[in-house]
N, C-alpha and C. Protein backbone atom coordinates (compact mmCIF):
# COMPACT_ATOMS: atom_id res chain seq x y z
N MET A 1 -8.23 97.29 17.33
CA MET A 1 -7.00 97.72 17.94
C MET A 1 -6.70 99.14 17.45
N MET A 2 -6.27 99.97 18.36
CA MET A 2 -6.00 101.36 18.03
C MET A 2 -4.57 101.51 17.53
N LYS A 3 -4.37 102.27 16.47
CA LYS A 3 -3.03 102.50 15.94
C LYS A 3 -2.35 103.60 16.74
N LYS A 4 -1.10 103.35 17.05
CA LYS A 4 -0.27 104.35 17.74
C LYS A 4 1.01 104.50 16.95
N SER A 5 1.62 105.64 17.03
CA SER A 5 2.87 105.89 16.34
C SER A 5 3.97 106.17 17.36
N ILE A 6 5.17 105.74 17.01
CA ILE A 6 6.33 106.07 17.83
C ILE A 6 7.38 106.64 16.89
N VAL A 7 8.23 107.50 17.46
CA VAL A 7 9.26 108.13 16.64
C VAL A 7 10.58 107.42 16.93
N ILE A 8 11.18 106.82 15.88
CA ILE A 8 12.49 106.21 15.99
C ILE A 8 13.30 106.62 14.76
N ASN A 9 14.60 106.53 14.88
CA ASN A 9 15.43 106.96 13.74
C ASN A 9 15.33 105.94 12.60
N GLY A 10 15.77 106.32 11.44
CA GLY A 10 15.64 105.49 10.24
C GLY A 10 16.38 104.17 10.35
N LYS A 11 17.58 104.19 10.93
CA LYS A 11 18.35 102.96 11.06
C LYS A 11 17.64 101.96 11.97
N SER A 12 17.10 102.46 13.09
CA SER A 12 16.39 101.57 14.01
C SER A 12 15.15 100.99 13.34
N HIS A 13 14.45 101.84 12.56
CA HIS A 13 13.26 101.35 11.85
C HIS A 13 13.65 100.26 10.85
N LYS A 14 14.75 100.47 10.15
CA LYS A 14 15.22 99.48 9.18
C LYS A 14 15.61 98.18 9.90
N ASP A 15 16.32 98.31 11.04
CA ASP A 15 16.69 97.12 11.83
C ASP A 15 15.44 96.38 12.32
N LEU A 16 14.44 97.15 12.78
CA LEU A 16 13.19 96.55 13.26
C LEU A 16 12.49 95.81 12.12
N LYS A 17 12.46 96.42 10.97
CA LYS A 17 11.83 95.80 9.80
C LYS A 17 12.58 94.51 9.42
N ASN A 18 13.91 94.55 9.42
CA ASN A 18 14.71 93.36 9.09
C ASN A 18 14.48 92.24 10.12
N LEU A 19 14.45 92.61 11.39
CA LEU A 19 14.22 91.62 12.44
C LEU A 19 12.83 91.00 12.33
N SER A 20 11.83 91.83 12.10
CA SER A 20 10.47 91.30 11.99
C SER A 20 10.35 90.38 10.78
N ASP A 21 11.03 90.73 9.69
CA ASP A 21 11.03 89.85 8.52
C ASP A 21 11.77 88.54 8.84
N GLU A 22 12.87 88.65 9.54
CA GLU A 22 13.66 87.48 9.88
C GLU A 22 12.86 86.51 10.74
N PHE A 23 12.06 87.05 11.66
CA PHE A 23 11.26 86.22 12.54
C PHE A 23 9.85 85.99 11.98
N ASN A 24 9.63 86.46 10.76
CA ASN A 24 8.39 86.21 10.03
C ASN A 24 7.15 86.71 10.79
N ARG A 25 7.25 87.96 11.27
CA ARG A 25 6.12 88.59 11.95
C ARG A 25 6.00 90.02 11.49
N PRO A 26 4.77 90.56 11.51
CA PRO A 26 4.62 92.00 11.19
C PRO A 26 5.31 92.85 12.25
N ILE A 27 5.68 94.06 11.86
CA ILE A 27 6.41 94.95 12.78
C ILE A 27 5.65 95.15 14.09
N GLY A 28 4.34 95.37 14.00
CA GLY A 28 3.54 95.62 15.21
C GLY A 28 3.57 94.43 16.15
N LYS A 29 3.32 93.24 15.60
CA LYS A 29 3.32 92.03 16.43
C LYS A 29 4.71 91.78 17.01
N PHE A 30 5.74 91.98 16.18
CA PHE A 30 7.12 91.78 16.64
C PHE A 30 7.45 92.74 17.78
N THR A 31 7.02 93.99 17.66
CA THR A 31 7.26 94.99 18.71
C THR A 31 6.54 94.59 19.99
N GLU A 32 5.31 94.14 19.87
CA GLU A 32 4.56 93.69 21.05
C GLU A 32 5.28 92.51 21.72
N ASP A 33 5.80 91.58 20.88
CA ASP A 33 6.52 90.43 21.43
C ASP A 33 7.80 90.87 22.15
N MET A 34 8.49 91.87 21.59
CA MET A 34 9.71 92.37 22.25
C MET A 34 9.35 92.98 23.61
N ILE A 35 8.28 93.74 23.64
CA ILE A 35 7.86 94.36 24.91
C ILE A 35 7.54 93.28 25.93
N LEU A 36 6.80 92.26 25.50
CA LEU A 36 6.45 91.16 26.40
C LEU A 36 7.70 90.42 26.87
N PHE A 37 8.66 90.22 25.97
CA PHE A 37 9.91 89.55 26.32
C PHE A 37 10.65 90.32 27.41
N PHE A 38 10.81 91.62 27.21
CA PHE A 38 11.55 92.42 28.19
C PHE A 38 10.79 92.51 29.51
N LYS A 39 9.46 92.51 29.43
CA LYS A 39 8.65 92.56 30.64
C LYS A 39 8.80 91.25 31.43
N LYS A 40 8.75 90.12 30.72
CA LYS A 40 8.83 88.82 31.40
C LYS A 40 10.23 88.53 31.93
N THR A 41 11.24 88.85 31.17
CA THR A 41 12.61 88.51 31.59
C THR A 41 13.20 89.53 32.54
N GLY A 42 12.64 90.73 32.56
CA GLY A 42 13.18 91.78 33.42
C GLY A 42 14.52 92.31 32.91
N GLN A 43 14.86 91.96 31.68
CA GLN A 43 16.11 92.42 31.08
C GLN A 43 16.00 93.89 30.71
N ASP A 44 17.07 94.60 30.89
CA ASP A 44 17.12 96.00 30.48
C ASP A 44 17.88 96.05 29.15
N PRO A 45 17.19 96.40 28.06
CA PRO A 45 17.86 96.43 26.75
C PRO A 45 19.05 97.39 26.71
N ALA A 46 19.05 98.41 27.54
CA ALA A 46 20.15 99.36 27.53
C ALA A 46 21.45 98.71 28.01
N LEU A 47 21.35 97.72 28.89
CA LEU A 47 22.55 97.06 29.40
C LEU A 47 23.17 96.14 28.36
N ILE A 48 22.37 95.69 27.43
CA ILE A 48 22.86 94.76 26.41
C ILE A 48 23.87 95.44 25.49
N ASN A 49 23.73 96.74 25.27
CA ASN A 49 24.63 97.46 24.36
C ASN A 49 26.07 97.43 24.84
N ASP A 50 26.27 97.35 26.16
CA ASP A 50 27.62 97.39 26.70
C ASP A 50 28.34 96.05 26.59
N LYS A 51 27.60 94.96 26.50
CA LYS A 51 28.20 93.65 26.60
C LYS A 51 28.00 92.85 25.32
N THR A 52 29.02 92.07 25.03
CA THR A 52 28.89 91.14 23.90
C THR A 52 28.15 89.91 24.41
N PRO A 53 27.59 89.12 23.50
CA PRO A 53 26.91 87.91 23.95
C PRO A 53 27.81 86.98 24.77
N SER A 54 29.08 86.89 24.42
CA SER A 54 29.98 86.02 25.19
C SER A 54 30.17 86.55 26.61
N GLN A 55 30.21 87.88 26.77
CA GLN A 55 30.33 88.45 28.11
C GLN A 55 29.06 88.17 28.92
N MET A 56 27.91 88.28 28.26
CA MET A 56 26.64 88.02 28.95
C MET A 56 26.56 86.55 29.36
N ILE A 57 27.05 85.66 28.50
CA ILE A 57 27.03 84.23 28.82
C ILE A 57 27.94 83.96 30.02
N LYS A 58 29.09 84.63 30.07
CA LYS A 58 30.00 84.45 31.21
C LYS A 58 29.33 84.88 32.51
N VAL A 59 28.60 86.00 32.46
CA VAL A 59 27.90 86.48 33.66
C VAL A 59 26.86 85.46 34.10
N ILE A 60 26.09 84.98 33.13
CA ILE A 60 25.07 83.98 33.45
C ILE A 60 25.73 82.70 33.96
N ASP A 61 26.83 82.32 33.33
CA ASP A 61 27.55 81.12 33.75
C ASP A 61 28.02 81.25 35.19
N ARG A 62 28.56 82.42 35.55
CA ARG A 62 29.00 82.65 36.93
C ARG A 62 27.82 82.55 37.90
N ARG A 63 26.69 83.08 37.49
CA ARG A 63 25.50 83.01 38.36
C ARG A 63 25.07 81.57 38.57
N ILE A 64 25.08 80.80 37.48
CA ILE A 64 24.67 79.40 37.58
C ILE A 64 25.64 78.62 38.45
N VAL A 65 26.93 78.82 38.22
CA VAL A 65 27.95 78.13 39.02
C VAL A 65 27.81 78.53 40.49
N GLY A 66 27.59 79.80 40.74
CA GLY A 66 27.38 80.27 42.11
C GLY A 66 26.16 79.62 42.75
N PHE A 67 25.10 79.52 41.97
CA PHE A 67 23.87 78.88 42.47
C PHE A 67 24.15 77.43 42.84
N PHE A 68 24.85 76.70 41.95
CA PHE A 68 25.14 75.30 42.23
C PHE A 68 26.07 75.14 43.43
N ARG A 69 27.02 76.03 43.57
CA ARG A 69 27.92 75.95 44.73
C ARG A 69 27.15 76.19 46.03
N THR A 70 26.24 77.13 45.98
CA THR A 70 25.41 77.40 47.16
C THR A 70 24.57 76.18 47.50
N GLN A 71 23.94 75.60 46.48
CA GLN A 71 23.13 74.40 46.71
C GLN A 71 23.99 73.27 47.25
N GLU A 72 25.17 73.15 46.71
CA GLU A 72 26.09 72.10 47.12
C GLU A 72 26.45 72.24 48.59
N SER A 73 26.81 73.47 48.99
CA SER A 73 27.24 73.67 50.38
C SER A 73 26.08 73.65 51.36
N GLU A 74 24.92 74.13 50.94
CA GLU A 74 23.79 74.21 51.87
C GLU A 74 22.94 72.95 51.90
N ILE A 75 22.93 72.19 50.81
CA ILE A 75 22.05 71.03 50.75
C ILE A 75 22.82 69.73 50.56
N LEU A 76 23.65 69.66 49.54
CA LEU A 76 24.27 68.39 49.19
C LEU A 76 25.28 67.90 50.22
N TYR A 77 26.17 68.78 50.70
CA TYR A 77 27.16 68.34 51.68
C TYR A 77 26.50 67.88 52.98
N PRO A 78 25.56 68.66 53.55
CA PRO A 78 24.88 68.16 54.76
C PRO A 78 24.12 66.85 54.51
N LEU A 79 23.52 66.74 53.33
CA LEU A 79 22.79 65.52 52.99
C LEU A 79 23.75 64.33 52.90
N ARG A 80 24.89 64.55 52.28
CA ARG A 80 25.90 63.50 52.14
C ARG A 80 26.40 63.08 53.53
N SER A 81 26.66 64.06 54.37
CA SER A 81 27.14 63.77 55.72
C SER A 81 26.09 62.96 56.49
N SER A 82 24.86 63.39 56.40
CA SER A 82 23.77 62.69 57.08
C SER A 82 23.61 61.27 56.55
N LEU A 83 23.74 61.13 55.25
CA LEU A 83 23.62 59.81 54.63
C LEU A 83 24.75 58.90 55.08
N SER A 84 25.97 59.43 55.13
CA SER A 84 27.11 58.63 55.60
C SER A 84 26.91 58.19 57.04
N GLU A 85 26.44 59.09 57.86
CA GLU A 85 26.19 58.77 59.27
C GLU A 85 25.11 57.69 59.39
N SER A 86 24.07 57.82 58.59
CA SER A 86 22.99 56.84 58.60
C SER A 86 23.49 55.47 58.13
N ILE A 87 24.35 55.46 57.12
CA ILE A 87 24.90 54.19 56.64
C ILE A 87 25.74 53.53 57.73
N GLU A 88 26.54 54.31 58.43
CA GLU A 88 27.35 53.76 59.52
C GLU A 88 26.46 53.18 60.62
N GLN A 89 25.41 53.90 60.97
CA GLN A 89 24.49 53.41 62.01
C GLN A 89 23.81 52.12 61.57
N ASN A 90 23.37 52.09 60.30
CA ASN A 90 22.72 50.89 59.79
C ASN A 90 23.68 49.70 59.74
N THR A 91 24.93 49.97 59.35
CA THR A 91 25.93 48.90 59.30
C THR A 91 26.15 48.32 60.69
N THR A 92 26.31 49.19 61.68
CA THR A 92 26.49 48.74 63.06
C THR A 92 25.27 47.96 63.53
N PHE A 93 24.09 48.47 63.23
CA PHE A 93 22.85 47.80 63.63
C PHE A 93 22.77 46.40 63.04
N PHE A 94 23.05 46.28 61.73
CA PHE A 94 22.95 44.98 61.08
C PHE A 94 24.04 44.01 61.56
N LYS A 95 25.23 44.52 61.86
CA LYS A 95 26.27 43.65 62.42
C LYS A 95 25.82 43.08 63.76
N ASN A 96 25.28 43.96 64.62
CA ASN A 96 24.78 43.51 65.93
C ASN A 96 23.62 42.53 65.75
N LEU A 97 22.75 42.81 64.81
CA LEU A 97 21.62 41.93 64.56
C LEU A 97 22.10 40.54 64.11
N LEU A 98 23.08 40.52 63.21
CA LEU A 98 23.62 39.23 62.75
C LEU A 98 24.28 38.47 63.89
N GLU A 99 25.03 39.18 64.74
CA GLU A 99 25.66 38.52 65.89
C GLU A 99 24.61 37.92 66.81
N ASN A 100 23.56 38.70 67.08
CA ASN A 100 22.48 38.21 67.96
C ASN A 100 21.76 37.02 67.34
N LEU A 101 21.48 37.11 66.04
CA LEU A 101 20.80 35.99 65.38
C LEU A 101 21.67 34.74 65.37
N ASN A 102 22.97 34.91 65.10
CA ASN A 102 23.88 33.76 65.14
C ASN A 102 23.92 33.14 66.53
N SER A 103 23.92 33.98 67.54
CA SER A 103 23.92 33.48 68.93
C SER A 103 22.62 32.71 69.21
N ILE A 104 21.51 33.30 68.78
CA ILE A 104 20.21 32.64 69.01
C ILE A 104 20.14 31.31 68.27
N PHE A 105 20.57 31.31 66.99
CA PHE A 105 20.53 30.07 66.22
C PHE A 105 21.48 29.02 66.80
N GLY A 106 22.62 29.49 67.34
CA GLY A 106 23.54 28.56 68.00
C GLY A 106 22.89 27.90 69.19
N LYS A 107 22.18 28.70 69.99
CA LYS A 107 21.48 28.15 71.16
C LYS A 107 20.36 27.21 70.74
N VAL A 108 19.64 27.57 69.68
CA VAL A 108 18.57 26.71 69.17
C VAL A 108 19.16 25.38 68.71
N LYS A 109 20.31 25.45 68.03
CA LYS A 109 20.97 24.24 67.54
C LYS A 109 21.40 23.36 68.72
N GLU A 110 21.98 24.00 69.78
CA GLU A 110 22.37 23.25 70.97
C GLU A 110 21.16 22.58 71.60
N ASN A 111 20.07 23.35 71.73
CA ASN A 111 18.85 22.80 72.31
C ASN A 111 18.30 21.68 71.45
N ASP A 112 18.41 21.85 70.13
CA ASP A 112 17.93 20.81 69.21
C ASP A 112 18.73 19.52 69.40
N LEU A 113 20.05 19.66 69.55
CA LEU A 113 20.89 18.48 69.79
C LEU A 113 20.52 17.82 71.12
N GLU A 114 20.29 18.63 72.14
CA GLU A 114 19.91 18.10 73.45
C GLU A 114 18.58 17.36 73.37
N VAL A 115 17.63 17.96 72.63
CA VAL A 115 16.32 17.31 72.48
C VAL A 115 16.47 16.00 71.72
N LYS A 116 17.28 15.98 70.67
CA LYS A 116 17.49 14.76 69.89
C LYS A 116 18.14 13.68 70.75
N GLU A 117 19.13 14.09 71.57
CA GLU A 117 19.78 13.13 72.46
C GLU A 117 18.79 12.59 73.49
N SER A 118 17.96 13.48 74.00
CA SER A 118 16.94 13.05 74.98
C SER A 118 15.97 12.08 74.34
N ILE A 119 15.56 12.36 73.12
CA ILE A 119 14.62 11.48 72.41
C ILE A 119 15.30 10.13 72.15
N LYS A 120 16.58 10.15 71.80
CA LYS A 120 17.32 8.91 71.55
C LYS A 120 17.40 8.09 72.83
N ARG A 121 17.67 8.74 73.98
CA ARG A 121 17.74 8.04 75.26
C ARG A 121 16.38 7.45 75.62
N ILE A 122 15.33 8.23 75.34
CA ILE A 122 13.97 7.74 75.63
C ILE A 122 13.68 6.50 74.76
N ASN A 123 14.06 6.59 73.47
CA ASN A 123 13.83 5.45 72.57
C ASN A 123 14.63 4.24 73.03
N ASP A 124 15.90 4.49 73.43
CA ASP A 124 16.72 3.39 73.94
C ASP A 124 16.08 2.77 75.18
N SER A 125 15.59 3.63 76.04
CA SER A 125 14.94 3.14 77.26
C SER A 125 13.69 2.34 76.90
N LEU A 126 12.92 2.81 75.93
CA LEU A 126 11.71 2.10 75.50
C LEU A 126 12.07 0.74 74.89
N GLU A 127 13.15 0.72 74.11
CA GLU A 127 13.59 -0.55 73.52
C GLU A 127 14.01 -1.53 74.63
N THR A 128 14.71 -1.01 75.63
CA THR A 128 15.13 -1.86 76.74
C THR A 128 13.92 -2.39 77.48
N ILE A 129 12.96 -1.56 77.70
CA ILE A 129 11.74 -1.95 78.42
C ILE A 129 11.00 -3.00 77.59
N LYS A 130 10.93 -2.81 76.29
CA LYS A 130 10.24 -3.76 75.40
C LYS A 130 10.94 -5.11 75.44
N SER A 131 12.26 -5.07 75.37
CA SER A 131 13.00 -6.33 75.36
C SER A 131 12.88 -7.05 76.70
N ASN A 132 12.80 -6.32 77.79
CA ASN A 132 12.63 -6.93 79.12
C ASN A 132 11.24 -7.50 79.29
N LEU A 133 10.27 -6.88 78.62
CA LEU A 133 8.90 -7.34 78.73
C LEU A 133 8.66 -8.61 77.94
N LYS A 134 9.47 -8.94 77.01
CA LYS A 134 9.29 -10.11 76.18
C LYS A 134 9.79 -11.29 76.87
């Protein structure tokens, strides 16, 4: 690895040294990690100087809340509406199905009674025929 030098003021160098010690890394590795962090997050370190951590958290919080509200209005509300409509349709369908099944079973029961009565009449007729034949 090639050594490179950068010019920073004494206070910044002291802060860098303290931070690298705090995170238990050599200054070079810590600096590389900072560069990678800013590259990956897209954060501008210059903007951080203006805001306290609580202000930054509020900004992030507003973004998250905004994101959830957008998701809620674009996805959850239409999904809920569609689900409610589907539940109503299914409820109506099952009510009609139950009515039809009850009607069918009622007719089957009536036919069953008629068949039983017919069988009873046939048996009675057979008994009469048997008794007449004796």
